[in-house]
Amino acid sequence: MQFWRKLPAAIIFYTCIPWRTQGNLDFRGIALYAPLIGLSIGLAIAAVDFGLGWLKPSSDFIYLRSLLTILLGLLITGGLHLDGAMDTADGLAVTDPERRLEVMADSNTGAFGAIAGIVILLLKVMALAAISDQRVWILAAVWAWARWGQLRAIMAYPYLKAMGKGKFHREDLHYWQVWLVAVLLIAGDLAIGYFAHAISFAFGLSAIAFTITWLLGAWFNRQLGGQTGDTYGAIVEWTEALSLCAIAYLI
């Protein structure tokens, strides 16, 4: 019963998918379902990416195909996480630590935020274009791991604002759930790797995404002394971008 109250709430919060509900939704602790939402988004954009590749398997089309795939993911989320990454960049650009949260709360996007948004999208498109094999698997896994990084940051670090969109995420959430989700993600990667005869790739994929998302959360915490809803979004976006870059470089 609790699952069917929280999952629709997670879909409504994390995506722009229209979802009609009956009764009250429970938004407390919906971050637990964020990796599942990420997995679903990754599979959806991967399906479109596969379809575009099947319709026109030309290497000349790979950049446009990758661009459309990444933009579809942005459309599904409504730019929720990218907006957080841009606000975080604006905040970190301020030399006075006391003003960083104030700048991040400003709805106006500054120069550093705009640059960060452009860099993230460029990295994703160019890195995805450089990946020729296992694109469906990679997109699904990376998008899920990126949301796990957000989930871990919510539980591991203090929330810096007295009020904010991210505050309720920690309610009704337990740390053992964070690690259970991580185990499930690793098990999923290894299971796919086993059937695809690519166990070493599965280990590498999980290790890359896990390490990057962990380090990003720790770095934002070090810079700000905690986390906000904006840094949660930044963790998601930078994990996706940097994981794709690392995978494209290593395979």
Foldseek 3Di string as FASTA:
>chain_A
DLCVQLVVLLQVQQWVDDDDDDDHHDPFQSLLCQLVVLLVLLLVLVVQLVVVCVVPVDLVCLLVSLLVSVVSSCNGRVCQLLLLQLLQQQLLVDPDLVCSVVSSPDSDGDPRSVVRSVVLSVLRSVLLSLDDPPSSVLSSLLSSLLSLLLVCQLPPWDEDDPDAPSPSNNGPDDPVSSVVSLVVSLVVLCVVCVVVVNNVVSVVLSVLLNVLSNVLSVVSCVSNVGDYSSSSSSSSSVSSSVSSNVVSVPD
